[in-house]
N, C-alpha and C. Protein backbone atom coordinates (compact mmCIF):
# COMPACT_ATOMS: atom_id res chain seq x y z
N MET A 1 0.25 -0.96 -0.08
CA MET A 1 0.00 -0.06 -0.15
C MET A 1 0.84 1.47 0.01
N GLY A 2 1.98 1.24 0.30
CA GLY A 2 2.84 2.58 -0.03
C GLY A 2 3.05 3.04 -1.07
N TRP A 3 2.87 2.21 -2.26
CA TRP A 3 2.78 2.65 -3.84
C TRP A 3 1.50 3.69 -3.88
N LEU A 4 0.20 3.32 -3.17
CA LEU A 4 -0.89 4.15 -3.23
C LEU A 4 -0.63 5.56 -2.47
N HIS A 5 -0.07 5.41 -1.45
CA HIS A 5 0.37 6.63 -0.86
C HIS A 5 1.23 7.72 -1.42
N CYS A 6 2.26 7.23 -2.27
CA CYS A 6 2.89 7.62 -3.06
C CYS A 6 2.48 8.49 -4.28
N LEU A 7 1.38 7.54 -4.93
CA LEU A 7 0.56 8.11 -6.11
C LEU A 7 -0.04 8.78 -5.77
N SER A 8 -1.19 9.10 -4.26
CA SER A 8 -1.74 9.91 -3.91
C SER A 8 -1.03 11.55 -3.86
N LYS A 9 0.08 11.02 -3.36
CA LYS A 9 1.01 12.31 -2.84
C LYS A 9 1.24 13.03 -4.10
N LEU A 10 1.67 12.35 -5.56
CA LEU A 10 2.04 12.93 -6.41
C LEU A 10 0.53 13.74 -7.28
N TRP A 11 -0.59 13.04 -7.05
CA TRP A 11 -1.43 13.42 -7.63
C TRP A 11 -1.95 15.09 -7.08
N ARG A 12 -1.76 14.80 -5.47
CA ARG A 12 -2.21 16.20 -4.90
C ARG A 12 -1.04 17.22 -5.34
N SER A 13 0.12 16.87 -5.45
CA SER A 13 1.25 17.79 -5.71
C SER A 13 1.23 18.09 -7.27
N THR A 14 0.58 17.50 -8.18
CA THR A 14 0.48 17.79 -9.41
C THR A 14 -0.84 18.74 -9.95
N MET A 15 -2.11 18.10 -9.17
CA MET A 15 -3.53 19.13 -8.77
C MET A 15 -3.04 20.23 -8.48
N SER A 16 -2.31 20.47 -7.34
CA SER A 16 -2.29 21.76 -6.67
C SER A 16 -1.57 22.98 -7.74
N CYS A 17 -0.76 22.44 -8.66
CA CYS A 17 -0.59 23.48 -9.76
C CYS A 17 -1.34 24.00 -10.51
N PHE A 18 -2.65 23.41 -10.78
CA PHE A 18 -3.22 23.79 -11.73
C PHE A 18 -4.54 24.46 -11.23
N LEU A 19 -5.23 24.02 -9.98
CA LEU A 19 -6.01 24.71 -8.80
C LEU A 19 -5.91 25.74 -7.98
N PRO A 20 -6.54 26.71 -8.30
CA PRO A 20 -6.73 28.15 -7.16
C PRO A 20 -6.20 27.62 -5.81
N GLN A 21 -5.04 28.58 -5.20
CA GLN A 21 -4.76 28.11 -3.78
C GLN A 21 -5.66 28.22 -2.81
N HIS A 22 -6.88 29.00 -2.95
CA HIS A 22 -8.02 29.39 -1.83
C HIS A 22 -9.35 28.67 -2.65
N GLN A 23 -9.23 27.47 -2.92
CA GLN A 23 -10.13 26.89 -3.18
C GLN A 23 -11.09 25.89 -2.31
N GLY A 24 -10.37 25.81 -1.30
CA GLY A 24 -10.92 24.90 -0.24
C GLY A 24 -12.53 25.06 0.02
N LEU A 25 -13.27 24.03 0.46
CA LEU A 25 -14.69 24.18 0.42
C LEU A 25 -14.80 24.09 2.01
N THR A 26 -15.50 24.96 2.49
CA THR A 26 -15.38 25.22 3.82
C THR A 26 -17.05 24.61 4.20
N PHE A 27 -16.84 24.26 5.37
CA PHE A 27 -18.38 23.86 6.10
C PHE A 27 -19.36 24.95 5.81
N GLU A 28 -19.43 26.17 6.33
CA GLU A 28 -20.19 26.94 5.74
C GLU A 28 -20.89 26.92 4.40
N LYS A 29 -19.96 26.77 3.54
CA LYS A 29 -20.33 26.77 2.10
C LYS A 29 -20.80 25.65 1.85
N LEU A 30 -20.49 24.53 2.41
CA LEU A 30 -21.42 23.24 2.24
C LEU A 30 -22.64 22.96 3.09
N SER A 31 -22.88 23.46 3.89
CA SER A 31 -24.12 23.86 4.86
C SER A 31 -25.09 24.61 3.90
N GLN A 32 -24.48 25.54 3.54
CA GLN A 32 -25.48 26.66 2.33
C GLN A 32 -25.91 25.64 1.46
N ASP A 33 -24.95 25.19 0.65
CA ASP A 33 -25.32 24.20 -0.62
C ASP A 33 -26.41 23.21 -0.15
N VAL A 34 -25.97 22.31 0.78
CA VAL A 34 -26.94 21.30 1.04
C VAL A 34 -28.48 22.35 1.51
N GLN A 35 -28.25 23.33 2.06
CA GLN A 35 -29.62 23.79 2.70
C GLN A 35 -30.79 24.43 1.36
N GLU A 36 -29.76 24.76 0.30
CA GLU A 36 -30.58 25.15 -0.99
C GLU A 36 -31.09 24.03 -1.93
N CYS A 37 -30.52 23.10 -1.35
CA CYS A 37 -30.74 21.55 -2.57
C CYS A 37 -32.37 21.23 -2.20
N SER A 38 -32.81 21.23 -3.41
CA SER A 38 -34.12 21.04 -3.27
C SER A 38 -34.45 19.50 -3.06
N TYR A 39 -33.47 18.58 -3.17
CA TYR A 39 -33.64 17.22 -2.95
C TYR A 39 -34.08 16.78 -1.38
N GLU A 40 -35.29 16.01 -1.23
CA GLU A 40 -35.21 15.94 0.21
C GLU A 40 -34.27 14.98 0.83
N ASP A 41 -33.79 13.70 0.11
CA ASP A 41 -33.20 12.89 0.54
C ASP A 41 -31.49 13.18 0.87
N VAL A 42 -30.98 14.51 0.15
CA VAL A 42 -29.94 15.26 0.50
C VAL A 42 -30.23 16.06 1.79
N GLN A 43 -31.76 16.64 2.43
CA GLN A 43 -31.75 16.96 3.25
C GLN A 43 -31.77 16.01 4.75
N VAL A 44 -32.51 14.78 4.56
CA VAL A 44 -32.61 13.82 5.27
C VAL A 44 -30.85 13.33 5.77
N LEU A 45 -30.30 13.12 4.80
CA LEU A 45 -28.74 12.56 5.09
C LEU A 45 -27.89 13.67 5.70
N TRP A 46 -28.15 14.96 5.41
CA TRP A 46 -27.25 16.26 6.00
C TRP A 46 -27.96 16.17 7.53
N SER A 47 -29.23 15.94 7.78
CA SER A 47 -29.67 15.66 9.21
C SER A 47 -28.93 14.87 9.76
N ILE A 48 -29.05 13.65 9.59
CA ILE A 48 -28.30 12.50 9.92
C ILE A 48 -26.92 12.72 10.21
N LEU A 49 -26.27 13.05 9.54
CA LEU A 49 -24.62 13.57 9.63
C LEU A 49 -24.63 14.69 10.60
N HIS A 50 -25.27 15.64 10.53
CA HIS A 50 -25.02 16.66 11.22
C HIS A 50 -25.70 16.40 13.23
N ASN A 51 -27.01 15.75 13.21
CA ASN A 51 -27.33 14.98 14.51
C ASN A 51 -27.35 13.94 14.38
N PRO A 52 -26.27 13.30 14.54
CA PRO A 52 -26.01 11.72 14.67
C PRO A 52 -26.95 11.34 15.93
N PRO A 53 -27.78 9.95 15.79
CA PRO A 53 -28.57 9.52 17.01
C PRO A 53 -27.78 8.96 17.75
N HIS A 54 -28.21 9.15 19.08
CA HIS A 54 -27.41 8.51 20.34
C HIS A 54 -27.55 7.30 20.32
N ILE A 55 -26.07 6.71 20.55
CA ILE A 55 -26.18 5.23 20.54
C ILE A 55 -25.60 4.82 21.98
N SER A 56 -26.18 4.22 23.06
CA SER A 56 -25.72 3.82 24.05
C SER A 56 -24.44 2.82 23.91
N PRO A 57 -23.60 2.95 24.93
CA PRO A 57 -22.22 2.34 25.04
C PRO A 57 -22.42 0.94 25.54
N GLN A 58 -23.46 0.35 25.42
CA GLN A 58 -23.86 -0.79 26.23
C GLN A 58 -23.29 -2.09 25.05
N ARG A 59 -22.77 -2.76 25.84
CA ARG A 59 -22.04 -4.02 24.62
C ARG A 59 -22.94 -5.33 25.01
N SER A 60 -23.18 -5.71 23.84
CA SER A 60 -23.87 -7.27 24.01
C SER A 60 -22.69 -8.21 24.59
N LYS A 61 -23.23 -9.43 25.37
CA LYS A 61 -22.58 -10.46 25.35
C LYS A 61 -22.11 -11.07 24.05
N GLY A 62 -22.54 -11.23 23.11
CA GLY A 62 -22.57 -12.04 22.36
C GLY A 62 -21.41 -11.37 20.96
N LEU A 63 -21.12 -10.24 21.23
CA LEU A 63 -20.07 -9.17 20.32
C LEU A 63 -18.60 -9.60 21.14
N ARG A 64 -18.23 -10.30 21.95
CA ARG A 64 -17.10 -10.48 22.39
C ARG A 64 -15.97 -10.93 21.56
N LYS A 65 -15.02 -10.84 21.38
CA LYS A 65 -13.79 -11.35 20.54
C LYS A 65 -13.51 -12.95 20.88
N PRO A 66 -13.13 -13.46 19.86
CA PRO A 66 -13.31 -14.95 20.46
C PRO A 66 -11.80 -15.48 21.21
N TRP A 67 -11.04 -14.32 21.35
CA TRP A 67 -9.93 -14.94 21.95
C TRP A 67 -10.09 -14.46 23.56
N GLN A 68 -11.11 -13.52 23.83
CA GLN A 68 -11.33 -13.29 25.28
C GLN A 68 -12.20 -14.05 25.85
N ASN A 69 -12.12 -14.71 27.28
CA ASN A 69 -13.08 -15.81 27.63
C ASN A 69 -13.84 -14.60 28.75
C-alpha cells in the first residue's frame, strides 16, 4: 500500500499546480449548498450527519472477541 500513498501524494502535488490556492470547500459553504438543495433525500442525509442519533455504549455479550474469555 506504500505505492498508493506515493501515487496520492503525486496526484495532490500535480493538481495543486492547476487549482487556485484558496479553493477549499468550507463547512459553511457546504451547509449553505445543502440547505439550498431541493432534494429531500439530501436534506435527510444532512440531518443524519449533522445530528447523529445517540447510541448507548452497552455491549452485547455476543459481541465478545473469540480470544477473550
